[in-house]
Amino acid sequence: MSNTNWTWHDGTEASYSHWGTGEPNGHGGGEICAEMVTTGFWNDVNCEEPPRGYLCEVLLTRGINENGEKGGMSGAAIFGIVIATFIAVGIAVFLLHAALFRPKRMLAIKRKLGFAKASNNDERYYLNL
């Protein structure tokens, strides 16, 4: 394996790397595995050394810039946008329903039942309940 063309175990080429300065250097000719050091950068190591953990490929939900810093929106921001979208859609559906169906329903009720008209205050009270 060359120090400029790293691949995953299935042979696909790695599309992202975060090597430390001077890495990968292939020191001793046997460094074909990678580790992440405490600074967050990668270092190539000999695969025969005692395991220090694993470096795995994962699907990113946020972008990472060239300096290895996370970018994009946080999970909380995405959650907030999703909730706001659901609320907005709910309000739109309610208003659409009210605008399109309620007047037709009320008209049908009035045609079927006629208009109720109170002749005194007692009747007005009961009709307003």
N, C-alpha and C. Protein backbone atom coordinates (compact mmCIF):
# COMPACT_ATOMS: atom_id res chain seq x y z
N MET A 1 0.85 -1.17 0.00
CA MET A 1 0.00 0.00 0.00
C MET A 1 0.89 1.24 0.00
N SER A 2 0.57 2.20 -0.85
CA SER A 2 1.39 3.41 -0.91
C SER A 2 0.95 4.39 0.16
N ASN A 3 1.80 5.34 0.44
CA ASN A 3 1.48 6.34 1.45
C ASN A 3 0.60 7.46 0.91
N THR A 4 0.28 7.42 -0.36
CA THR A 4 -0.57 8.45 -0.93
C THR A 4 -1.93 7.92 -1.36
N ASN A 5 -2.12 6.61 -1.36
CA ASN A 5 -3.36 6.02 -1.83
C ASN A 5 -3.89 5.03 -0.80
N TRP A 6 -4.58 5.51 0.19
CA TRP A 6 -5.13 4.65 1.24
C TRP A 6 -6.52 4.19 0.84
N THR A 7 -6.82 2.93 1.17
CA THR A 7 -8.12 2.36 0.85
C THR A 7 -8.72 1.73 2.10
N TRP A 8 -10.02 1.47 2.04
CA TRP A 8 -10.70 0.75 3.12
C TRP A 8 -10.48 -0.74 2.91
N HIS A 9 -10.90 -1.53 3.89
CA HIS A 9 -10.66 -2.97 3.82
C HIS A 9 -11.32 -3.62 2.61
N ASP A 10 -12.38 -3.01 2.08
CA ASP A 10 -13.05 -3.59 0.92
C ASP A 10 -12.45 -3.13 -0.41
N GLY A 11 -11.37 -2.31 -0.34
CA GLY A 11 -10.68 -1.88 -1.55
C GLY A 11 -11.10 -0.53 -2.10
N THR A 12 -12.18 0.05 -1.56
CA THR A 12 -12.59 1.36 -2.05
C THR A 12 -11.64 2.43 -1.54
N GLU A 13 -11.42 3.43 -2.39
CA GLU A 13 -10.47 4.50 -2.04
C GLU A 13 -11.07 5.41 -0.97
N ALA A 14 -10.25 5.78 -0.01
CA ALA A 14 -10.69 6.70 1.05
C ALA A 14 -10.89 8.08 0.44
N SER A 15 -12.05 8.69 0.70
CA SER A 15 -12.34 10.00 0.11
C SER A 15 -12.02 11.13 1.08
N TYR A 16 -11.62 10.82 2.29
CA TYR A 16 -11.31 11.84 3.29
C TYR A 16 -10.11 11.37 4.09
N SER A 17 -9.24 12.30 4.45
CA SER A 17 -8.12 11.96 5.34
C SER A 17 -7.82 13.16 6.21
N HIS A 18 -7.18 12.89 7.33
CA HIS A 18 -6.84 13.95 8.29
C HIS A 18 -5.47 13.64 8.89
N TRP A 19 -4.49 13.45 8.01
CA TRP A 19 -3.15 13.07 8.44
C TRP A 19 -2.46 14.21 9.17
N GLY A 20 -1.65 13.84 10.17
CA GLY A 20 -0.80 14.81 10.85
C GLY A 20 0.33 15.24 9.92
N THR A 21 1.06 16.26 10.32
CA THR A 21 2.18 16.76 9.52
C THR A 21 3.19 15.65 9.28
N GLY A 22 3.57 15.44 8.01
CA GLY A 22 4.55 14.42 7.65
C GLY A 22 4.00 13.01 7.59
N GLU A 23 2.71 12.85 7.77
CA GLU A 23 2.08 11.52 7.72
C GLU A 23 1.23 11.41 6.47
N PRO A 24 1.00 10.24 5.97
CA PRO A 24 1.63 8.98 6.38
C PRO A 24 3.06 8.92 5.84
N ASN A 25 3.96 8.43 6.67
CA ASN A 25 5.36 8.39 6.26
C ASN A 25 5.88 6.98 5.99
N GLY A 26 5.09 5.96 6.33
CA GLY A 26 5.51 4.59 6.06
C GLY A 26 6.78 4.20 6.77
N HIS A 27 7.04 4.74 7.95
CA HIS A 27 8.27 4.50 8.70
C HIS A 27 8.55 3.01 8.82
N GLY A 28 9.70 2.59 8.40
CA GLY A 28 10.10 1.19 8.49
C GLY A 28 9.48 0.31 7.43
N GLY A 29 8.66 0.87 6.56
CA GLY A 29 8.07 0.12 5.46
C GLY A 29 6.88 -0.73 5.83
N GLY A 30 6.47 -0.75 7.09
CA GLY A 30 5.36 -1.63 7.48
C GLY A 30 4.16 -0.90 8.04
N GLU A 31 4.12 0.41 7.91
CA GLU A 31 3.00 1.16 8.48
C GLU A 31 1.88 1.28 7.45
N ILE A 32 0.98 0.31 7.49
CA ILE A 32 -0.13 0.32 6.55
C ILE A 32 -1.48 0.41 7.25
N CYS A 33 -1.46 0.67 8.54
CA CYS A 33 -2.68 0.91 9.31
C CYS A 33 -2.64 2.33 9.83
N ALA A 34 -3.75 2.80 10.34
CA ALA A 34 -3.82 4.18 10.82
C ALA A 34 -4.37 4.22 12.24
N GLU A 35 -3.93 5.23 12.97
CA GLU A 35 -4.46 5.49 14.30
C GLU A 35 -4.76 6.98 14.39
N MET A 36 -5.62 7.34 15.32
CA MET A 36 -5.89 8.75 15.57
C MET A 36 -5.19 9.11 16.87
N VAL A 37 -4.34 10.13 16.81
CA VAL A 37 -3.60 10.55 18.00
C VAL A 37 -4.43 11.58 18.77
N THR A 38 -3.96 11.96 19.95
CA THR A 38 -4.75 12.83 20.83
C THR A 38 -5.08 14.18 20.23
N THR A 39 -4.32 14.63 19.25
CA THR A 39 -4.62 15.92 18.59
C THR A 39 -5.76 15.80 17.60
N GLY A 40 -6.19 14.57 17.31
CA GLY A 40 -7.25 14.35 16.34
C GLY A 40 -6.74 14.04 14.95
N PHE A 41 -5.44 14.19 14.75
CA PHE A 41 -4.87 13.88 13.44
C PHE A 41 -4.56 12.39 13.35
N TRP A 42 -4.35 11.92 12.13
CA TRP A 42 -4.05 10.51 11.89
C TRP A 42 -2.55 10.30 11.79
N ASN A 43 -2.14 9.08 12.16
CA ASN A 43 -0.75 8.65 12.08
C ASN A 43 -0.75 7.24 11.52
N ASP A 44 0.17 6.94 10.58
CA ASP A 44 0.25 5.57 10.09
C ASP A 44 1.09 4.74 11.05
N VAL A 45 0.64 3.51 11.30
CA VAL A 45 1.31 2.62 12.26
C VAL A 45 1.43 1.22 11.65
N ASN A 46 2.28 0.43 12.27
CA ASN A 46 2.44 -0.97 11.90
C ASN A 46 1.24 -1.74 12.43
N CYS A 47 0.62 -2.51 11.58
CA CYS A 47 -0.57 -3.27 11.98
C CYS A 47 -0.26 -4.37 12.99
N GLU A 48 1.01 -4.73 13.14
CA GLU A 48 1.40 -5.78 14.08
C GLU A 48 1.51 -5.26 15.51
N GLU A 49 1.51 -3.95 15.69
CA GLU A 49 1.60 -3.38 17.04
C GLU A 49 0.31 -3.70 17.79
N PRO A 50 0.37 -3.65 19.12
CA PRO A 50 -0.86 -3.89 19.88
C PRO A 50 -1.96 -2.93 19.43
N PRO A 51 -3.19 -3.42 19.30
CA PRO A 51 -4.28 -2.57 18.83
C PRO A 51 -4.52 -1.38 19.75
N ARG A 52 -4.78 -0.24 19.15
CA ARG A 52 -5.04 0.99 19.90
C ARG A 52 -6.46 1.50 19.63
N GLY A 53 -7.24 0.73 18.96
CA GLY A 53 -8.57 1.19 18.55
C GLY A 53 -8.70 1.05 17.04
N TYR A 54 -9.78 1.52 16.52
CA TYR A 54 -10.05 1.35 15.10
C TYR A 54 -10.42 2.66 14.45
N LEU A 55 -10.14 2.75 13.18
CA LEU A 55 -10.54 3.88 12.36
C LEU A 55 -11.55 3.34 11.37
N CYS A 56 -12.78 3.81 11.44
CA CYS A 56 -13.84 3.27 10.60
C CYS A 56 -14.42 4.34 9.69
N GLU A 57 -14.87 3.92 8.53
CA GLU A 57 -15.54 4.82 7.60
C GLU A 57 -17.00 4.92 8.01
N VAL A 58 -17.50 6.14 8.10
CA VAL A 58 -18.90 6.37 8.42
C VAL A 58 -19.47 7.42 7.48
N LEU A 59 -20.78 7.39 7.29
CA LEU A 59 -21.45 8.39 6.49
C LEU A 59 -21.58 9.65 7.31
N LEU A 60 -21.13 10.76 6.77
CA LEU A 60 -21.17 12.02 7.49
C LEU A 60 -22.55 12.65 7.38
N THR A 61 -23.04 13.18 8.49
CA THR A 61 -24.27 13.95 8.46
C THR A 61 -23.97 15.43 8.46
N ARG A 62 -22.73 15.79 8.76
CA ARG A 62 -22.28 17.18 8.71
C ARG A 62 -20.98 17.21 7.94
N GLY A 63 -20.72 18.31 7.29
CA GLY A 63 -19.49 18.44 6.54
C GLY A 63 -18.28 18.62 7.45
N ILE A 64 -17.13 18.29 6.94
CA ILE A 64 -15.87 18.52 7.64
C ILE A 64 -14.98 19.29 6.68
N ASN A 65 -14.45 20.42 7.14
CA ASN A 65 -13.62 21.22 6.24
C ASN A 65 -12.20 20.67 6.16
N GLU A 66 -11.34 21.35 5.43
CA GLU A 66 -9.98 20.85 5.21
C GLU A 66 -9.16 20.78 6.48
N ASN A 67 -9.53 21.54 7.50
CA ASN A 67 -8.80 21.52 8.77
C ASN A 67 -9.34 20.46 9.72
N GLY A 68 -10.31 19.68 9.28
CA GLY A 68 -10.88 18.64 10.12
C GLY A 68 -11.92 19.15 11.09
N GLU A 69 -12.33 20.40 10.94
CA GLU A 69 -13.33 20.96 11.84
C GLU A 69 -14.72 20.64 11.30
N LYS A 70 -15.62 20.38 12.23
CA LYS A 70 -16.99 20.08 11.83
C LYS A 70 -17.65 21.35 11.34
N GLY A 71 -18.44 21.20 10.32
CA GLY A 71 -19.18 22.32 9.77
C GLY A 71 -20.64 21.94 9.65
N GLY A 72 -21.42 22.77 9.04
CA GLY A 72 -22.82 22.46 8.83
C GLY A 72 -23.64 22.68 10.08
N MET A 73 -24.82 22.12 10.08
CA MET A 73 -25.75 22.33 11.19
C MET A 73 -25.62 21.23 12.23
N SER A 74 -25.88 21.60 13.46
CA SER A 74 -25.87 20.61 14.54
C SER A 74 -27.15 19.78 14.48
N GLY A 75 -27.15 18.69 15.20
CA GLY A 75 -28.34 17.85 15.27
C GLY A 75 -29.52 18.60 15.85
N ALA A 76 -29.27 19.47 16.84
CA ALA A 76 -30.35 20.25 17.45
C ALA A 76 -30.95 21.22 16.44
N ALA A 77 -30.11 21.82 15.61
CA ALA A 77 -30.61 22.75 14.60
C ALA A 77 -31.46 22.02 13.57
N ILE A 78 -31.01 20.84 13.15
CA ILE A 78 -31.78 20.05 12.19
C ILE A 78 -33.11 19.64 12.80
N PHE A 79 -33.10 19.21 14.06
CA PHE A 79 -34.32 18.82 14.76
C PHE A 79 -35.29 20.00 14.82
N GLY A 80 -34.77 21.18 15.14
CA GLY A 80 -35.61 22.37 15.20
C GLY A 80 -36.25 22.69 13.87
N ILE A 81 -35.49 22.54 12.79
CA ILE A 81 -36.03 22.80 11.46
C ILE A 81 -37.12 21.79 11.12
N VAL A 82 -36.90 20.53 11.47
CA VAL A 82 -37.91 19.50 11.20
C VAL A 82 -39.19 19.80 11.96
N ILE A 83 -39.08 20.15 13.24
CA ILE A 83 -40.27 20.46 14.05
C ILE A 83 -40.99 21.68 13.48
N ALA A 84 -40.23 22.73 13.15
CA ALA A 84 -40.84 23.94 12.58
C ALA A 84 -41.55 23.63 11.27
N THR A 85 -40.98 22.74 10.46
CA THR A 85 -41.61 22.36 9.20
C THR A 85 -42.92 21.63 9.45
N PHE A 86 -42.92 20.70 10.41
CA PHE A 86 -44.16 19.99 10.74
C PHE A 86 -45.23 20.95 11.23
N ILE A 87 -44.86 21.91 12.06
CA ILE A 87 -45.82 22.89 12.56
C ILE A 87 -46.36 23.73 11.41
N ALA A 88 -45.47 24.21 10.53
CA ALA A 88 -45.91 25.02 9.40
C ALA A 88 -46.85 24.25 8.48
N VAL A 89 -46.53 22.99 8.21
CA VAL A 89 -47.40 22.17 7.36
C VAL A 89 -48.75 21.95 8.05
N GLY A 90 -48.73 21.70 9.36
CA GLY A 90 -49.98 21.52 10.10
C GLY A 90 -50.86 22.76 10.04
N ILE A 91 -50.27 23.93 10.20
CA ILE A 91 -51.03 25.17 10.13
C ILE A 91 -51.59 25.37 8.72
N ALA A 92 -50.77 25.09 7.71
CA ALA A 92 -51.22 25.25 6.32
C ALA A 92 -52.39 24.31 6.02
N VAL A 93 -52.32 23.07 6.49
CA VAL A 93 -53.41 22.11 6.27
C VAL A 93 -54.67 22.59 6.98
N PHE A 94 -54.54 23.07 8.21
CA PHE A 94 -55.69 23.57 8.96
C PHE A 94 -56.34 24.74 8.24
N LEU A 95 -55.53 25.71 7.80
CA LEU A 95 -56.07 26.88 7.12
C LEU A 95 -56.72 26.50 5.79
N LEU A 96 -56.09 25.60 5.06
CA LEU A 96 -56.65 25.14 3.80
C LEU A 96 -57.99 24.44 4.03
N HIS A 97 -58.04 23.60 5.03
CA HIS A 97 -59.28 22.90 5.37
C HIS A 97 -60.36 23.90 5.75
N ALA A 98 -60.00 24.87 6.59
CA ALA A 98 -60.97 25.87 7.03
C ALA A 98 -61.47 26.70 5.85
N ALA A 99 -60.57 27.05 4.94
CA ALA A 99 -60.95 27.90 3.81
C ALA A 99 -61.79 27.15 2.78
N LEU A 100 -61.49 25.88 2.56
CA LEU A 100 -62.17 25.15 1.50
C LEU A 100 -63.40 24.37 1.95
N PHE A 101 -63.34 23.75 3.11
CA PHE A 101 -64.39 22.83 3.49
C PHE A 101 -65.38 23.39 4.51
N ARG A 102 -64.95 24.23 5.41
CA ARG A 102 -65.86 24.72 6.44
C ARG A 102 -67.00 25.56 5.85
N PRO A 103 -66.73 26.52 4.93
CA PRO A 103 -67.86 27.28 4.37
C PRO A 103 -68.88 26.39 3.67
N LYS A 104 -68.40 25.37 2.95
CA LYS A 104 -69.32 24.46 2.26
C LYS A 104 -70.15 23.67 3.28
N ARG A 105 -69.51 23.26 4.35
CA ARG A 105 -70.21 22.49 5.38
C ARG A 105 -71.26 23.36 6.06
N MET A 106 -70.88 24.60 6.38
CA MET A 106 -71.82 25.50 7.04
C MET A 106 -73.00 25.82 6.13
N LEU A 107 -72.74 25.99 4.84
CA LEU A 107 -73.81 26.26 3.89
C LEU A 107 -74.76 25.07 3.81
N ALA A 108 -74.21 23.86 3.79
CA ALA A 108 -75.04 22.66 3.74
C ALA A 108 -75.91 22.56 4.99
N ILE A 109 -75.35 22.88 6.14
CA ILE A 109 -76.11 22.83 7.39
C ILE A 109 -77.23 23.86 7.36
N LYS A 110 -76.92 25.07 6.91
CA LYS A 110 -77.94 26.13 6.86
C LYS A 110 -79.06 25.76 5.89
N ARG A 111 -78.70 25.17 4.75
CA ARG A 111 -79.73 24.78 3.78
C ARG A 111 -80.62 23.67 4.33
N LYS A 112 -80.00 22.76 5.06
CA LYS A 112 -80.75 21.62 5.58
C LYS A 112 -81.62 22.01 6.77
N LEU A 113 -81.08 22.82 7.66
CA LEU A 113 -81.77 23.14 8.90
C LEU A 113 -82.49 24.48 8.87
N GLY A 114 -82.08 25.35 7.98
CA GLY A 114 -82.65 26.69 7.99
C GLY A 114 -81.95 27.52 9.04
N PHE A 115 -82.40 28.75 9.22
CA PHE A 115 -81.78 29.65 10.18
C PHE A 115 -82.57 29.63 11.47
N ALA A 116 -81.87 29.57 12.59
CA ALA A 116 -82.53 29.67 13.89
C ALA A 116 -82.51 31.13 14.30
N LYS A 117 -83.67 31.63 14.67
CA LYS A 117 -83.76 33.03 15.06
C LYS A 117 -84.41 33.10 16.42
N ALA A 118 -83.73 33.77 17.33
CA ALA A 118 -84.24 33.88 18.70
C ALA A 118 -85.24 35.03 18.77
N SER A 119 -86.33 34.79 19.48
CA SER A 119 -87.35 35.84 19.61
C SER A 119 -87.26 36.56 20.94
N ASN A 120 -86.49 36.00 21.92
CA ASN A 120 -86.31 36.69 23.20
C ASN A 120 -84.94 36.34 23.78
N ASN A 121 -84.60 36.95 24.92
CA ASN A 121 -83.27 36.76 25.53
C ASN A 121 -83.03 35.33 25.99
N ASP A 122 -84.05 34.65 26.49
CA ASP A 122 -83.87 33.26 26.92
C ASP A 122 -83.47 32.37 25.74
N GLU A 123 -84.13 32.56 24.61
CA GLU A 123 -83.79 31.77 23.43
C GLU A 123 -82.38 32.11 22.93
N ARG A 124 -82.02 33.41 22.97
CA ARG A 124 -80.67 33.82 22.56
C ARG A 124 -79.62 33.14 23.43
N TYR A 125 -79.89 33.06 24.73
CA TYR A 125 -78.94 32.43 25.66
C TYR A 125 -78.71 30.97 25.26
N TYR A 126 -79.77 30.23 25.03
CA TYR A 126 -79.64 28.81 24.71
C TYR A 126 -79.03 28.58 23.32
N LEU A 127 -79.31 29.48 22.38
CA LEU A 127 -78.73 29.33 21.04
C LEU A 127 -77.23 29.62 21.03
N ASN A 128 -76.77 30.43 21.97
CA ASN A 128 -75.34 30.78 22.03
C ASN A 128 -74.51 29.76 22.80
N LEU A 129 -75.13 28.78 23.41
CA LEU A 129 -74.36 27.78 24.16
C LEU A 129 -73.50 26.98 23.27
